[in-house]
Amino acid sequence: MLMAHPVLLQQLVEQYETLRTLHAENGDTEVRQRLDDVAYSLCVATGTHDVDAALIAARHRLPGARTFDDSVVAP
C-alpha cells in the first residue's frame, strides 16, 4: 500500500480539526461539504474506511508519534 507523506497527513488532520470546529460553531453547508471532502481524503491517504480510524492512523504516522518502539527488544 502507498503511504501518504507525513506533511500531507499533518495538513489533512489540521484541516479536518479546523473544519469540524467551524461546522460545530455555525453549521454552514459549505463547511460541511469541505469537511466531508477532507474526511474522504484522510480515509484514502490512510487506507481506512471511516474518519475516526483515519485520524488515528494519520496521527500514528506523524513524526514523534512513536517515541519508543519496543518491537525489537528481547523479553
C-alpha atoms as a PDB file:
ATOM      1  CA  MET A   1       0.000   0.000   0.000  1.00  0.00           C
ATOM      2  CA  LEU A   2       1.228   3.508  -0.765  1.00  0.00           C
ATOM      3  CA  MET A   3       1.832   5.693   2.247  1.00  0.00           C
ATOM      4  CA  ALA A   4       0.968   9.388   2.288  1.00  0.00           C
ATOM      5  CA  HIS A   5       3.759  11.763   3.214  1.00  0.00           C
ATOM      6  CA  PRO A   6       3.651  12.847   6.880  1.00  0.00           C
ATOM      7  CA  VAL A   7       3.394  16.524   5.864  1.00  0.00           C
ATOM      8  CA  LEU A   8       0.247  15.781   3.868  1.00  0.00           C
ATOM      9  CA  LEU A   9      -1.219  13.806   6.756  1.00  0.00           C
ATOM     10  CA  GLN A  10      -0.483  16.646   9.178  1.00  0.00           C
ATOM     11  CA  GLN A  11      -2.163  19.145   6.866  1.00  0.00           C
ATOM     12  CA  LEU A  12      -5.243  16.951   6.459  1.00  0.00           C
ATOM     13  CA  VAL A  13      -5.561  16.397  10.209  1.00  0.00           C
ATOM     14  CA  GLU A  14      -5.257  20.127  10.874  1.00  0.00           C
ATOM     15  CA  GLN A  15      -7.793  20.965   8.152  1.00  0.00           C
ATOM     16  CA  TYR A  16     -10.229  18.378   9.477  1.00  0.00           C
ATOM     17  CA  GLU A  17      -9.979  19.674  13.045  1.00  0.00           C
ATOM     18  CA  THR A  18     -10.420  23.294  11.931  1.00  0.00           C
ATOM     19  CA  LEU A  19     -13.390  22.488   9.709  1.00  0.00           C
ATOM     20  CA  ARG A  20     -15.003  20.366  12.407  1.00  0.00           C
ATOM     21  CA  THR A  21     -14.769  23.311  14.795  1.00  0.00           C
ATOM     22  CA  LEU A  22     -16.201  25.707  12.204  1.00  0.00           C
ATOM     23  CA  HIS A  23     -19.061  23.337  11.434  1.00  0.00           C
ATOM     24  CA  ALA A  24     -19.860  22.932  15.133  1.00  0.00           C
ATOM     25  CA  GLU A  25     -19.983  26.712  15.525  1.00  0.00           C
ATOM     26  CA  ASN A  26     -22.158  27.651  12.553  1.00  0.00           C
ATOM     27  CA  GLY A  27     -23.252  24.512  10.660  1.00  0.00           C
ATOM     28  CA  ASP A  28     -22.621  26.088   7.234  1.00  0.00           C
ATOM     29  CA  THR A  29     -23.281  23.706   4.323  1.00  0.00           C
ATOM     30  CA  GLU A  30     -20.093  24.789   2.530  1.00  0.00           C
ATOM     31  CA  VAL A  31     -18.049  23.974   5.607  1.00  0.00           C
ATOM     32  CA  ARG A  32     -19.822  20.610   5.906  1.00  0.00           C
ATOM     33  CA  GLN A  33     -19.012  19.770   2.278  1.00  0.00           C
ATOM     34  CA  ARG A  34     -15.361  20.696   2.761  1.00  0.00           C
ATOM     35  CA  LEU A  35     -15.307  18.656   5.979  1.00  0.00           C
ATOM     36  CA  ASP A  36     -16.661  15.645   4.094  1.00  0.00           C
ATOM     37  CA  ASP A  37     -14.043  16.144   1.365  1.00  0.00           C
ATOM     38  CA  VAL A  38     -11.172  16.304   3.857  1.00  0.00           C
ATOM     39  CA  ALA A  39     -12.539  13.266   5.726  1.00  0.00           C
ATOM     40  CA  TYR A  40     -12.631  11.342   2.450  1.00  0.00           C
ATOM     41  CA  SER A  41      -9.063  12.422   1.645  1.00  0.00           C
ATOM     42  CA  LEU A  42      -7.920  11.276   5.081  1.00  0.00           C
ATOM     43  CA  CYS A  43      -9.529   7.886   4.539  1.00  0.00           C
ATOM     44  CA  VAL A  44      -7.883   7.486   1.135  1.00  0.00           C
ATOM     45  CA  ALA A  45      -4.494   8.655   2.427  1.00  0.00           C
ATOM     46  CA  THR A  46      -4.569   6.197   5.333  1.00  0.00           C
ATOM     47  CA  GLY A  47      -6.333   3.256   3.686  1.00  0.00           C
ATOM     48  CA  THR A  48      -9.224   3.329   6.136  1.00  0.00           C
ATOM     49  CA  HIS A  49     -12.994   3.449   5.737  1.00  0.00           C
ATOM     50  CA  ASP A  50     -14.099   5.884   8.433  1.00  0.00           C
ATOM     51  CA  VAL A  51     -12.764   9.208   9.604  1.00  0.00           C
ATOM     52  CA  ASP A  52     -12.110   8.156  13.208  1.00  0.00           C
ATOM     53  CA  ALA A  53      -9.851   5.323  12.068  1.00  0.00           C
ATOM     54  CA  ALA A  54      -8.250   7.664   9.525  1.00  0.00           C
ATOM     55  CA  LEU A  55      -7.422  10.224  12.209  1.00  0.00           C
ATOM     56  CA  ILE A  56      -5.870   7.556  14.428  1.00  0.00           C
ATOM     57  CA  ALA A  57      -3.848   6.131  11.540  1.00  0.00           C
ATOM     58  CA  ALA A  58      -2.710   9.580  10.394  1.00  0.00           C
ATOM     59  CA  ARG A  59      -1.631  10.643  13.870  1.00  0.00           C
ATOM     60  CA  HIS A  60       0.201   7.345  14.310  1.00  0.00           C
ATOM     61  CA  ARG A  61       2.264   8.070  11.189  1.00  0.00           C
ATOM     62  CA  LEU A  62       3.218  11.617  12.144  1.00  0.00           C
ATOM     63  CA  PRO A  63       6.759  12.343  13.322  1.00  0.00           C
ATOM     64  CA  GLY A  64       7.130  11.881  17.055  1.00  0.00           C
ATOM     65  CA  ALA A  65       4.017   9.706  17.333  1.00  0.00           C
ATOM     66  CA  ARG A  66       6.043   6.732  18.471  1.00  0.00           C
ATOM     67  CA  THR A  67       8.753   7.946  20.806  1.00  0.00           C
ATOM     68  CA  PHE A  68       9.611   4.428  21.946  1.00  0.00           C
ATOM     69  CA  ASP A  69       9.422   1.323  19.810  1.00  0.00           C
ATOM     70  CA  ASP A  70       9.988  -1.856  21.800  1.00  0.00           C
ATOM     71  CA  SER A  71       9.243  -4.249  18.924  1.00  0.00           C
ATOM     72  CA  VAL A  72      12.896  -5.314  18.706  1.00  0.00           C
ATOM     73  CA  VAL A  73      13.537  -5.560  22.437  1.00  0.00           C
ATOM     74  CA  ALA A  74      14.019  -9.135  23.635  1.00  0.00           C
ATOM     75  CA  PRO A  75      11.782 -10.163  26.563  1.00  0.00           C
END
